[in-house]
Structure formats: structure tokens, C-alpha cells
Amino acid sequence: MKIRKFALLVSVVGVCLLLLTLQARGYGASARDLLALVTTPVQAGVARAHRAAFGIWDTYQDWKNVRAENRRLRDDNQRLRVEALRVGETTDENRRLRRLLAFQERLPLKTLSGEVIARDWGGWIRSLTVNRGRGDHVPRLAAVISPDGLIGRIVDVRPGAAIVQVLTDPASTVGAHIVRTRASGIVEGDPRGTLRFKYLARGGTGIEVGDVLVTSGQGALFPRGIPIGRVRAIDDRGSALFHYAVLEPAVNFARVDEVLLVTGDTRHDLATYFPTDD
């Protein structure tokens, strides 16, 4: 290693002496050409290495900037999506509230609006909790409705809240009749979380799939004419005394968020206040 360093030093010194000798004897141009011949490749290599190093550094900086920009754009996109969802929810809520208010103003009976704050699932919706209670003078067994139809009745009144038994609860029963034929019967909650219409099997009933059922108003618990559901299937039991029809509820109990509690006289026919397509 020392010999190599010494030989390199001697070579450099020798080249320098040669160049000085040539310049002293009048061969300056030749010396410059020789020097250029030796140094130009070195300078070119150094320049290329310099450019390559700066190119790599610029590429690295661009990569970092692109990553930062992508991260910022992802954050902005997520924020905009959240804001869009909030705007959509607010728009839907405003639409529902306007519809409920317009419906409440049309009704000929006294009602109190309420918001659903909890749901008892149990495999399906069996009860709802609304934010109206004793302080609002909510009567027990008050009918609970929406612009789409009947939801159920109040079964428990608490401070600041009330429990609504929805129609799909197996303990729920409502007097009803078919709009098209006026055939009457009882709508019961089914253990499977559906509704069924129990009617007397007699000639002329003529129940059909698609028929709309509304409250009959018997017993003065529910106003007359509130939509309950639509016939989805018929259970023909032959010569049995009673037949059954499976109903599609008029109200989606899993999605209802605002309700009306009937607090006044229920002796009204509300058939004209609900569209039934019949």
C-alpha cells in the first residue's frame, strides 16, 4: 500500500515536472493540450457524478413530496366524504321532519311528536323507546303512528321516555279490515317477527295478495283507517274456522326515527289522510 502511494506521488510529481519543462522550453500549448487530455476525462467523470448525485436527490425529494401530497389528498377526501354523509343525513332528517310536521298539521286529532331513541331487537323489532314521558302527559295505550301507517301503542310511560309496543310483537293485536272488501279480522304479531291477519273463513271474504289492511277503529283505542300492512301471502287452512294472511307492514320499524303519539280523541276516520293506492 505504501509503495502504491509512493508510486502515485512520484507519477504526479513527474507529470508536473514534465509539464513545467515543456512550458519552460516553449511548448506551453502542447503542455496545455496534454494537461487537458489528462484532466478532461476526470472533469467529465466528476461532472457526471455530480449530476447523478443531484438527480438522485431531486428524485428523492419529489418522491417525498408526492407521498406527502397523496397523504394530504387522502385526508381531504376522507374529510369530504364525512362531510357529505353529514349533509346527506341532515337533508334526510329535514325531509322527514317536514313530512311529519305537514302530516301532523293535516290530522283532525291531537298528537305529540316524538323521536325514537332506542330499539329492542330480540331478533326483530319488538319495541321502541321515544323521548316523551310523564312530563309530556303521554297516556298509556296511546296509539303511535307515522305518515306511513300504524306503529303500535304505548305500553309503559316513564320519566322522560315511553315504551312503544310495535305491531310485530307477538302480544300485539289490532282490529282491522280489508279496504277493498271491508272484511274484518284481527292483526296479530307473529313470533317470527312478521304480521298476520286472522279472519273468519266464510264465503265472500275474497282476500287477495296485495290487499291493504287498515285499523277498524273498534274499541276506540286506535283511530279508524290507519294503514297496517299489505297482504303478502294467504294461508288457506281448508275447512278451518279461521284463515290467516301474512302481511307486509306499512311501516319499516327498523328505520322509523320520528313518530306521532295520539293524545286526543281517537274517534276519527283517518282513511283520507293516508295514501293506500286503493
C-alpha atoms as a PDB file:
ATOM      1  CA  MET A   1       0.000   0.000   0.000  1.00  0.00           C
ATOM      2  CA  LYS A   2       2.821   2.405   0.856  1.00  0.00           C
ATOM      3  CA  ILE A   3       4.594   1.508  -2.385  1.00  0.00           C
ATOM      4  CA  ARG A   4       1.428   2.323  -4.365  1.00  0.00           C
ATOM      5  CA  LYS A   5       1.044   5.683  -2.703  1.00  0.00           C
ATOM      6  CA  PHE A   6       4.697   6.478  -3.271  1.00  0.00           C
ATOM      7  CA  ALA A   7       4.489   5.430  -6.940  1.00  0.00           C
ATOM      8  CA  LEU A   8       1.363   7.601  -7.407  1.00  0.00           C
ATOM      9  CA  LEU A   9       3.085  10.558  -5.792  1.00  0.00           C
ATOM     10  CA  VAL A  10       6.141  10.075  -7.994  1.00  0.00           C
ATOM     11  CA  SER A  11       3.926   9.852 -11.076  1.00  0.00           C
ATOM     12  CA  VAL A  12       2.111  13.082 -10.221  1.00  0.00           C
ATOM     13  CA  VAL A  13       5.352  14.871  -9.484  1.00  0.00           C
ATOM     14  CA  GLY A  14       6.839  13.533 -12.710  1.00  0.00           C
ATOM     15  CA  VAL A  15       3.882  14.756 -14.756  1.00  0.00           C
ATOM     16  CA  CYS A  16       4.076  18.167 -13.125  1.00  0.00           C
ATOM     17  CA  LEU A  17       7.830  18.406 -13.822  1.00  0.00           C
ATOM     18  CA  LEU A  18       7.276  17.328 -17.395  1.00  0.00           C
ATOM     19  CA  LEU A  19       4.617  19.964 -17.894  1.00  0.00           C
ATOM     20  CA  LEU A  20       6.804  22.654 -16.350  1.00  0.00           C
ATOM     21  CA  THR A  21       9.739  21.611 -18.513  1.00  0.00           C
ATOM     22  CA  LEU A  22       7.650  21.731 -21.668  1.00  0.00           C
ATOM     23  CA  GLN A  23       6.247  25.127 -20.740  1.00  0.00           C
ATOM     24  CA  ALA A  24       9.780  26.477 -19.952  1.00  0.00           C
ATOM     25  CA  ARG A  25      11.117  25.331 -23.325  1.00  0.00           C
ATOM     26  CA  GLY A  26       8.264  26.989 -25.238  1.00  0.00           C
ATOM     27  CA  TYR A  27       5.927  24.063 -25.531  1.00  0.00           C
ATOM     28  CA  GLY A  28       3.163  25.737 -23.473  1.00  0.00           C
ATOM     29  CA  ALA A  29       0.386  24.951 -25.939  1.00  0.00           C
ATOM     30  CA  SER A  30       1.420  21.345 -26.106  1.00  0.00           C
ATOM     31  CA  ALA A  31       1.562  21.240 -22.322  1.00  0.00           C
ATOM     32  CA  ARG A  32      -1.926  22.668 -22.038  1.00  0.00           C
ATOM     33  CA  ASP A  33      -3.181  20.156 -24.597  1.00  0.00           C
ATOM     34  CA  LEU A  34      -1.545  17.348 -22.712  1.00  0.00           C
ATOM     35  CA  LEU A  35      -2.977  18.618 -19.437  1.00  0.00           C
ATOM     36  CA  ALA A  36      -6.401  18.910 -20.994  1.00  0.00           C
ATOM     37  CA  LEU A  37      -6.058  15.408 -22.395  1.00  0.00           C
ATOM     38  CA  VAL A  38      -5.366  14.122 -18.895  1.00  0.00           C
ATOM     39  CA  THR A  39      -7.811  16.247 -16.906  1.00  0.00           C
ATOM     40  CA  THR A  40     -10.819  16.397 -19.250  1.00  0.00           C
ATOM     41  CA  PRO A  41     -11.919  12.778 -18.688  1.00  0.00           C
ATOM     42  CA  VAL A  42     -11.505  13.313 -14.964  1.00  0.00           C
ATOM     43  CA  GLN A  43     -13.555  16.518 -15.027  1.00  0.00           C
ATOM     44  CA  ALA A  44     -16.223  14.885 -17.181  1.00  0.00           C
ATOM     45  CA  GLY A  45     -16.469  11.978 -14.769  1.00  0.00           C
ATOM     46  CA  VAL A  46     -16.714  14.321 -11.803  1.00  0.00           C
ATOM     47  CA  ALA A  47     -19.444  16.344 -13.583  1.00  0.00           C
ATOM     48  CA  ARG A  48     -21.436  13.212 -14.395  1.00  0.00           C
ATOM     49  CA  ALA A  49     -21.136  12.006 -10.814  1.00  0.00           C
ATOM     50  CA  HIS A  50     -22.264  15.438  -9.584  1.00  0.00           C
ATOM     51  CA  ARG A  51     -25.289  15.445 -11.872  1.00  0.00           C
ATOM     52  CA  ALA A  52     -26.177  11.887 -10.946  1.00  0.00           C
ATOM     53  CA  ALA A  53     -25.986  12.693  -7.233  1.00  0.00           C
ATOM     54  CA  PHE A  54     -28.194  15.757  -7.586  1.00  0.00           C
ATOM     55  CA  GLY A  55     -30.582  13.813  -9.825  1.00  0.00           C
ATOM     56  CA  ILE A  56     -30.963  11.120  -7.177  1.00  0.00           C
ATOM     57  CA  TRP A  57     -31.509  13.782  -4.505  1.00  0.00           C
ATOM     58  CA  ASP A  58     -34.142  15.572  -6.628  1.00  0.00           C
ATOM     59  CA  THR A  59     -35.895  12.260  -7.285  1.00  0.00           C
ATOM     60  CA  TYR A  60     -35.930  11.517  -3.566  1.00  0.00           C
ATOM     61  CA  GLN A  61     -37.333  14.964  -2.783  1.00  0.00           C
ATOM     62  CA  ASP A  62     -40.017  14.581  -5.466  1.00  0.00           C
ATOM     63  CA  TRP A  63     -40.946  11.172  -4.060  1.00  0.00           C
ATOM     64  CA  LYS A  64     -41.282  12.605  -0.562  1.00  0.00           C
ATOM     65  CA  ASN A  65     -43.410  15.489  -1.879  1.00  0.00           C
ATOM     66  CA  VAL A  66     -45.642  13.106  -3.829  1.00  0.00           C
ATOM     67  CA  ARG A  67     -46.163  10.932  -0.744  1.00  0.00           C
ATOM     68  CA  ALA A  68     -46.997  13.965   1.364  1.00  0.00           C
ATOM     69  CA  GLU A  69     -49.385  15.234  -1.304  1.00  0.00           C
ATOM     70  CA  ASN A  70     -51.081  11.821  -1.582  1.00  0.00           C
ATOM     71  CA  ARG A  71     -51.467  11.672   2.186  1.00  0.00           C
ATOM     72  CA  ARG A  72     -52.983  15.149   2.232  1.00  0.00           C
ATOM     73  CA  LEU A  73     -55.331  14.288  -0.633  1.00  0.00           C
ATOM     74  CA  ARG A  74     -56.458  11.100   1.136  1.00  0.00           C
ATOM     75  CA  ASP A  75     -57.158  13.069   4.306  1.00  0.00           C
ATOM     76  CA  ASP A  76     -59.069  15.699   2.334  1.00  0.00           C
ATOM     77  CA  ASN A  77     -61.048  13.001   0.538  1.00  0.00           C
ATOM     78  CA  GLN A  78     -61.947  11.302   3.804  1.00  0.00           C
ATOM     79  CA  ARG A  79     -62.976  14.630   5.336  1.00  0.00           C
ATOM     80  CA  LEU A  80     -65.129  15.475   2.317  1.00  0.00           C
ATOM     81  CA  ARG A  81     -66.785  12.050   2.444  1.00  0.00           C
ATOM     82  CA  VAL A  82     -67.627  12.510   6.126  1.00  0.00           C
ATOM     83  CA  GLU A  83     -68.995  15.978   5.438  1.00  0.00           C
ATOM     84  CA  ALA A  84     -71.045  14.631   2.532  1.00  0.00           C
ATOM     85  CA  LEU A  85     -72.521  11.938   4.798  1.00  0.00           C
ATOM     86  CA  ARG A  86     -73.367  14.550   7.407  1.00  0.00           C
ATOM     87  CA  VAL A  87     -75.004  16.757   4.816  1.00  0.00           C
ATOM     88  CA  GLY A  88     -76.925  13.770   3.451  1.00  0.00           C
ATOM     89  CA  GLU A  89     -78.111  12.772   6.933  1.00  0.00           C
ATOM     90  CA  THR A  90     -79.135  16.350   7.712  1.00  0.00           C
ATOM     91  CA  THR A  91     -81.014  16.584   4.428  1.00  0.00           C
ATOM     92  CA  ASP A  92     -82.826  13.294   5.085  1.00  0.00           C
ATOM     93  CA  GLU A  93     -83.674  14.360   8.623  1.00  0.00           C
ATOM     94  CA  ASN A  94     -85.035  17.712   7.449  1.00  0.00           C
ATOM     95  CA  ARG A  95     -87.122  15.970   4.795  1.00  0.00           C
ATOM     96  CA  ARG A  96     -88.541  13.516   7.340  1.00  0.00           C
ATOM     97  CA  LEU A  97     -89.329  16.256   9.846  1.00  0.00           C
ATOM     98  CA  ARG A  98     -91.039  18.425   7.234  1.00  0.00           C
ATOM     99  CA  ARG A  99     -93.109  15.449   6.129  1.00  0.00           C
ATOM    100  CA  LEU A 100     -94.033  14.602   9.736  1.00  0.00           C
ATOM    101  CA  LEU A 101     -94.952  18.218  10.533  1.00  0.00           C
ATOM    102  CA  ALA A 102     -97.087  18.545   7.407  1.00  0.00           C
ATOM    103  CA  PHE A 103     -98.808  15.256   8.257  1.00  0.00           C
ATOM    104  CA  GLN A 104     -99.384  16.342  11.869  1.00  0.00           C
ATOM    105  CA  GLU A 105    -100.932  19.634  10.770  1.00  0.00           C
ATOM    106  CA  ARG A 106    -103.387  17.833   8.456  1.00  0.00           C
ATOM    107  CA  LEU A 107    -104.665  15.391  11.058  1.00  0.00           C
ATOM    108  CA  PRO A 108    -108.009  16.200  12.747  1.00  0.00           C
ATOM    109  CA  LEU A 109    -106.846  14.875  16.142  1.00  0.00           C
ATOM    110  CA  LYS A 110    -104.394  15.945  18.813  1.00  0.00           C
ATOM    111  CA  THR A 111    -100.919  14.403  18.525  1.00  0.00           C
ATOM    112  CA  LEU A 112     -97.498  14.814  20.092  1.00  0.00           C
ATOM    113  CA  SER A 113     -94.317  14.330  18.071  1.00  0.00           C
ATOM    114  CA  GLY A 114     -91.536  12.163  19.436  1.00  0.00           C
ATOM    115  CA  GLU A 115     -88.116  10.838  18.478  1.00  0.00           C
ATOM    116  CA  VAL A 116     -87.089   7.190  18.630  1.00  0.00           C
ATOM    117  CA  ILE A 117     -84.098   6.934  20.975  1.00  0.00           C
ATOM    118  CA  ALA A 118     -83.806   3.144  21.366  1.00  0.00           C
ATOM    119  CA  ARG A 119     -84.969  -0.134  19.807  1.00  0.00           C
ATOM    120  CA  ASP A 120     -85.470  -3.525  21.446  1.00  0.00           C
ATOM    121  CA  TRP A 121     -84.484  -6.032  18.779  1.00  0.00           C
ATOM    122  CA  GLY A 122     -84.788  -9.535  20.224  1.00  0.00           C
ATOM    123  CA  GLY A 123     -84.252 -10.985  16.733  1.00  0.00           C
ATOM    124  CA  TRP A 124     -86.661  -8.407  15.305  1.00  0.00           C
ATOM    125  CA  ILE A 125     -88.088  -5.055  16.390  1.00  0.00           C
ATOM    126  CA  ARG A 126     -90.422  -5.708  19.341  1.00  0.00           C
ATOM    127  CA  SER A 127     -90.483  -2.273  20.982  1.00  0.00           C
ATOM    128  CA  LEU A 128     -89.289   1.291  20.532  1.00  0.00           C
ATOM    129  CA  THR A 129     -88.390   3.919  23.109  1.00  0.00           C
ATOM    130  CA  VAL A 130     -89.410   7.506  22.396  1.00  0.00           C
ATOM    131  CA  ASN A 131     -88.278  10.681  24.133  1.00  0.00           C
ATOM    132  CA  ARG A 132     -91.699  11.550  25.536  1.00  0.00           C
ATOM    133  CA  GLY A 133     -92.803  10.582  29.026  1.00  0.00           C
ATOM    134  CA  ARG A 134     -94.740  11.551  32.118  1.00  0.00           C
ATOM    135  CA  GLY A 135     -93.738  15.177  31.889  1.00  0.00           C
ATOM    136  CA  ASP A 136     -95.381  15.324  28.469  1.00  0.00           C
ATOM    137  CA  HIS A 137     -98.605  13.771  29.828  1.00  0.00           C
ATOM    138  CA  VAL A 138     -98.373  10.797  27.499  1.00  0.00           C
ATOM    139  CA  PRO A 139    -101.287   8.443  28.213  1.00  0.00           C
ATOM    140  CA  ARG A 140    -100.706   4.726  28.455  1.00  0.00           C
ATOM    141  CA  LEU A 141    -102.064   2.743  25.463  1.00  0.00           C
ATOM    142  CA  ALA A 142    -101.854   5.829  23.244  1.00  0.00           C
ATOM    143  CA  ALA A 143    -101.660   4.966  19.563  1.00  0.00           C
ATOM    144  CA  VAL A 144     -98.311   5.646  17.856  1.00  0.00           C
ATOM    145  CA  ILE A 145     -98.357   6.440  14.146  1.00  0.00           C
ATOM    146  CA  SER A 146     -96.199   7.780  11.329  1.00  0.00           C
ATOM    147  CA  PRO A 147     -97.021   9.229   7.901  1.00  0.00           C
ATOM    148  CA  ASP A 148     -96.740   5.651   6.564  1.00  0.00           C
ATOM    149  CA  GLY A 149     -99.160   3.990   8.986  1.00  0.00           C
ATOM    150  CA  LEU A 150     -99.619   2.402  12.392  1.00  0.00           C
ATOM    151  CA  ILE A 151     -96.577   1.613  14.537  1.00  0.00           C
ATOM    152  CA  GLY A 152     -98.143   0.370  17.770  1.00  0.00           C
ATOM    153  CA  ARG A 153     -99.205   1.582  21.196  1.00  0.00           C
ATOM    154  CA  ILE A 154     -97.621   2.971  24.370  1.00  0.00           C
ATOM    155  CA  VAL A 155     -97.322   0.212  26.993  1.00  0.00           C
ATOM    156  CA  ASP A 156     -95.135   1.930  29.581  1.00  0.00           C
ATOM    157  CA  VAL A 157     -94.673   5.606  30.473  1.00  0.00           C
ATOM    158  CA  ARG A 158     -91.527   6.660  32.325  1.00  0.00           C
ATOM    159  CA  PRO A 159     -89.929   9.964  33.309  1.00  0.00           C
ATOM    160  CA  GLY A 160     -88.731  11.403  30.018  1.00  0.00           C
ATOM    161  CA  ALA A 161     -89.454   8.308  27.926  1.00  0.00           C
ATOM    162  CA  ALA A 162     -92.167   5.907  26.828  1.00  0.00           C
ATOM    163  CA  ILE A 163     -92.082   2.340  25.514  1.00  0.00           C
ATOM    164  CA  VAL A 164     -93.925   1.567  22.288  1.00  0.00           C
ATOM    165  CA  GLN A 165     -95.114  -1.984  21.625  1.00  0.00           C
ATOM    166  CA  VAL A 166     -94.828  -2.360  17.850  1.00  0.00           C
ATOM    167  CA  LEU A 167     -97.234  -4.434  15.794  1.00  0.00           C
ATOM    168  CA  THR A 168     -94.753  -7.290  15.259  1.00  0.00           C
ATOM    169  CA  ASP A 169     -94.664  -8.088  18.995  1.00  0.00           C
ATOM    170  CA  PRO A 170     -96.444 -11.464  19.446  1.00  0.00           C
ATOM    171  CA  ALA A 171     -98.509  -9.902  22.255  1.00  0.00           C
ATOM    172  CA  SER A 172     -99.849  -7.187  19.936  1.00  0.00           C
ATOM    173  CA  THR A 173    -103.386  -7.370  18.479  1.00  0.00           C
ATOM    174  CA  VAL A 174    -105.258  -4.775  16.427  1.00  0.00           C
ATOM    175  CA  GLY A 175    -108.744  -4.830  14.955  1.00  0.00           C
ATOM    176  CA  ALA A 176    -108.509  -4.385  11.176  1.00  0.00           C
ATOM    177  CA  HIS A 177    -110.419  -4.698   7.935  1.00  0.00           C
ATOM    178  CA  ILE A 178    -109.551  -5.057   4.263  1.00  0.00           C
ATOM    179  CA  VAL A 179    -110.003  -1.781   2.395  1.00  0.00           C
ATOM    180  CA  ARG A 180    -111.253  -3.427  -0.785  1.00  0.00           C
ATOM    181  CA  THR A 181    -113.866  -5.795   0.705  1.00  0.00           C
ATOM    182  CA  ARG A 182    -114.390  -4.429   4.253  1.00  0.00           C
ATOM    183  CA  ALA A 183    -113.857  -7.942   5.606  1.00  0.00           C
ATOM    184  CA  SER A 184    -112.793  -7.629   9.234  1.00  0.00           C
ATOM    185  CA  GLY A 185    -110.453  -9.567  11.468  1.00  0.00           C
ATOM    186  CA  ILE A 186    -107.536  -9.264  13.859  1.00  0.00           C
ATOM    187  CA  VAL A 187    -103.930  -8.381  13.028  1.00  0.00           C
ATOM    188  CA  GLU A 188    -101.521 -10.192  15.338  1.00  0.00           C
ATOM    189  CA  GLY A 189     -97.782 -10.052  15.849  1.00  0.00           C
ATOM    190  CA  ASP A 190     -96.046 -13.229  14.790  1.00  0.00           C
ATOM    191  CA  PRO A 191     -93.193 -14.953  16.735  1.00  0.00           C
ATOM    192  CA  ARG A 192     -91.150 -14.814  13.509  1.00  0.00           C
ATOM    193  CA  GLY A 193     -91.261 -11.015  13.565  1.00  0.00           C
ATOM    194  CA  THR A 194     -93.973 -10.557  10.924  1.00  0.00           C
ATOM    195  CA  LEU A 195     -97.694  -9.728  10.939  1.00  0.00           C
ATOM    196  CA  ARG A 196    -100.608 -11.985  10.219  1.00  0.00           C
ATOM    197  CA  PHE A 197    -104.275 -11.229   9.644  1.00  0.00           C
ATOM    198  CA  LYS A 198    -106.687 -13.639  11.325  1.00  0.00           C
ATOM    199  CA  TYR A 199    -110.083 -13.603   9.676  1.00  0.00           C
ATOM    200  CA  LEU A 200    -113.214 -15.673   9.717  1.00  0.00           C
ATOM    201  CA  ALA A 201    -113.311 -18.184   6.847  1.00  0.00           C
ATOM    202  CA  ARG A 202    -116.678 -17.503   5.324  1.00  0.00           C
ATOM    203  CA  GLY A 203    -117.882 -17.187   1.765  1.00  0.00           C
ATOM    204  CA  GLY A 204    -117.422 -13.844   0.083  1.00  0.00           C
ATOM    205  CA  THR A 205    -114.336 -12.760   2.014  1.00  0.00           C
ATOM    206  CA  GLY A 206    -112.304 -12.759  -1.191  1.00  0.00           C
ATOM    207  CA  ILE A 207    -108.960 -11.718   0.327  1.00  0.00           C
ATOM    208  CA  GLU A 208    -106.182 -11.379  -2.261  1.00  0.00           C
ATOM    209  CA  VAL A 209    -102.440 -10.833  -2.264  1.00  0.00           C
ATOM    210  CA  GLY A 210    -101.820  -7.077  -2.377  1.00  0.00           C
ATOM    211  CA  ASP A 211    -104.924  -6.120  -0.376  1.00  0.00           C
ATOM    212  CA  VAL A 212    -104.396  -3.234   2.056  1.00  0.00           C
ATOM    213  CA  LEU A 213    -105.492  -3.531   5.674  1.00  0.00           C
ATOM    214  CA  VAL A 214    -106.331  -0.584   7.938  1.00  0.00           C
ATOM    215  CA  THR A 215    -107.459  -0.202  11.534  1.00  0.00           C
ATOM    216  CA  SER A 216    -111.156  -0.815  12.079  1.00  0.00           C
ATOM    217  CA  GLY A 217    -111.476   1.661  14.948  1.00  0.00           C
ATOM    218  CA  GLN A 218    -113.285  -0.812  17.183  1.00  0.00           C
ATOM    219  CA  GLY A 219    -112.700  -0.302  20.876  1.00  0.00           C
ATOM    220  CA  ALA A 220    -111.729   3.372  20.401  1.00  0.00           C
ATOM    221  CA  LEU A 221    -108.058   2.542  21.042  1.00  0.00           C
ATOM    222  CA  PHE A 222    -106.879   3.295  17.505  1.00  0.00           C
ATOM    223  CA  PRO A 223    -108.458   5.789  15.113  1.00  0.00           C
ATOM    224  CA  ARG A 224    -110.126   4.186  12.130  1.00  0.00           C
ATOM    225  CA  GLY A 225    -108.438   3.974   8.723  1.00  0.00           C
ATOM    226  CA  ILE A 226    -104.715   3.866   9.678  1.00  0.00           C
ATOM    227  CA  PRO A 227    -102.732   1.605   7.300  1.00  0.00           C
ATOM    228  CA  ILE A 228    -101.389  -1.539   8.950  1.00  0.00           C
ATOM    229  CA  GLY A 229     -99.960  -3.528   6.084  1.00  0.00           C
ATOM    230  CA  ARG A 230    -100.456  -5.253   2.758  1.00  0.00           C
ATOM    231  CA  VAL A 231    -101.231  -8.938   2.163  1.00  0.00           C
ATOM    232  CA  ARG A 232     -98.100 -10.788   1.100  1.00  0.00           C
ATOM    233  CA  ALA A 233     -99.331 -14.385   1.261  1.00  0.00           C
ATOM    234  CA  ILE A 234    -102.501 -16.299   2.198  1.00  0.00           C
ATOM    235  CA  ASP A 235    -102.535 -19.356   4.475  1.00  0.00           C
ATOM    236  CA  ASP A 236    -105.509 -21.369   3.274  1.00  0.00           C
ATOM    237  CA  ARG A 237    -106.470 -23.832   6.024  1.00  0.00           C
ATOM    238  CA  GLY A 238    -109.238 -25.570   4.136  1.00  0.00           C
ATOM    239  CA  SER A 239    -112.312 -26.093   6.271  1.00  0.00           C
ATOM    240  CA  ALA A 240    -110.826 -24.451   9.384  1.00  0.00           C
ATOM    241  CA  LEU A 241    -112.922 -21.802  11.101  1.00  0.00           C
ATOM    242  CA  PHE A 242    -110.220 -19.141  10.781  1.00  0.00           C
ATOM    243  CA  HIS A 243    -107.785 -18.378   7.984  1.00  0.00           C
ATOM    244  CA  TYR A 244    -104.595 -16.323   8.101  1.00  0.00           C
ATOM    245  CA  ALA A 245    -102.812 -13.944   5.754  1.00  0.00           C
ATOM    246  CA  VAL A 246     -99.189 -12.856   6.093  1.00  0.00           C
ATOM    247  CA  LEU A 247     -98.797  -9.060   5.930  1.00  0.00           C
ATOM    248  CA  GLU A 248     -96.018  -6.729   4.866  1.00  0.00           C
ATOM    249  CA  PRO A 249     -96.086  -3.922   7.491  1.00  0.00           C
ATOM    250  CA  ALA A 250     -96.837  -0.430   6.217  1.00  0.00           C
ATOM    251  CA  VAL A 251     -94.049   0.942   8.442  1.00  0.00           C
ATOM    252  CA  ASN A 252     -90.411  -0.164   8.457  1.00  0.00           C
ATOM    253  CA  PHE A 253     -89.927  -0.381  12.223  1.00  0.00           C
ATOM    254  CA  ALA A 254     -86.145  -0.661  11.886  1.00  0.00           C
ATOM    255  CA  ARG A 255     -85.902   2.662  10.051  1.00  0.00           C
ATOM    256  CA  VAL A 256     -88.564   4.856  11.635  1.00  0.00           C
ATOM    257  CA  ASP A 257     -86.951   7.729  13.575  1.00  0.00           C
ATOM    258  CA  GLU A 258     -89.811  10.156  14.284  1.00  0.00           C
ATOM    259  CA  VAL A 259     -93.338   9.294  15.394  1.00  0.00           C
ATOM    260  CA  LEU A 260     -96.620  10.871  16.437  1.00  0.00           C
ATOM    261  CA  LEU A 261     -98.333   9.926  19.703  1.00  0.00           C
ATOM    262  CA  VAL A 262    -102.125  10.255  19.603  1.00  0.00           C
ATOM    263  CA  THR A 263    -103.028  12.076  22.804  1.00  0.00           C
ATOM    264  CA  GLY A 264    -106.539  13.274  21.949  1.00  0.00           C
ATOM    265  CA  ASP A 265    -109.881  11.818  20.951  1.00  0.00           C
ATOM    266  CA  THR A 266    -109.432   8.752  18.731  1.00  0.00           C
ATOM    267  CA  ARG A 267    -112.961   8.744  17.299  1.00  0.00           C
ATOM    268  CA  HIS A 268    -111.864   9.824  13.849  1.00  0.00           C
ATOM    269  CA  ASP A 269    -111.638   8.159  10.462  1.00  0.00           C
ATOM    270  CA  LEU A 270    -108.158   8.827   9.070  1.00  0.00           C
ATOM    271  CA  ALA A 271    -108.524   6.874   5.846  1.00  0.00           C
ATOM    272  CA  THR A 272    -108.298  10.016   3.687  1.00  0.00           C
ATOM    273  CA  TYR A 273    -105.043  11.114   5.351  1.00  0.00           C
ATOM    274  CA  PHE A 274    -103.063   8.057   4.270  1.00  0.00           C
ATOM    275  CA  PRO A 275    -102.469   7.103   0.627  1.00  0.00           C
ATOM    276  CA  THR A 276    -103.322   3.419   0.167  1.00  0.00           C
ATOM    277  CA  ASP A 277    -103.244   3.084  -3.649  1.00  0.00           C
ATOM    278  CA  ASP A 278    -106.757   1.632  -3.475  1.00  0.00           C
END
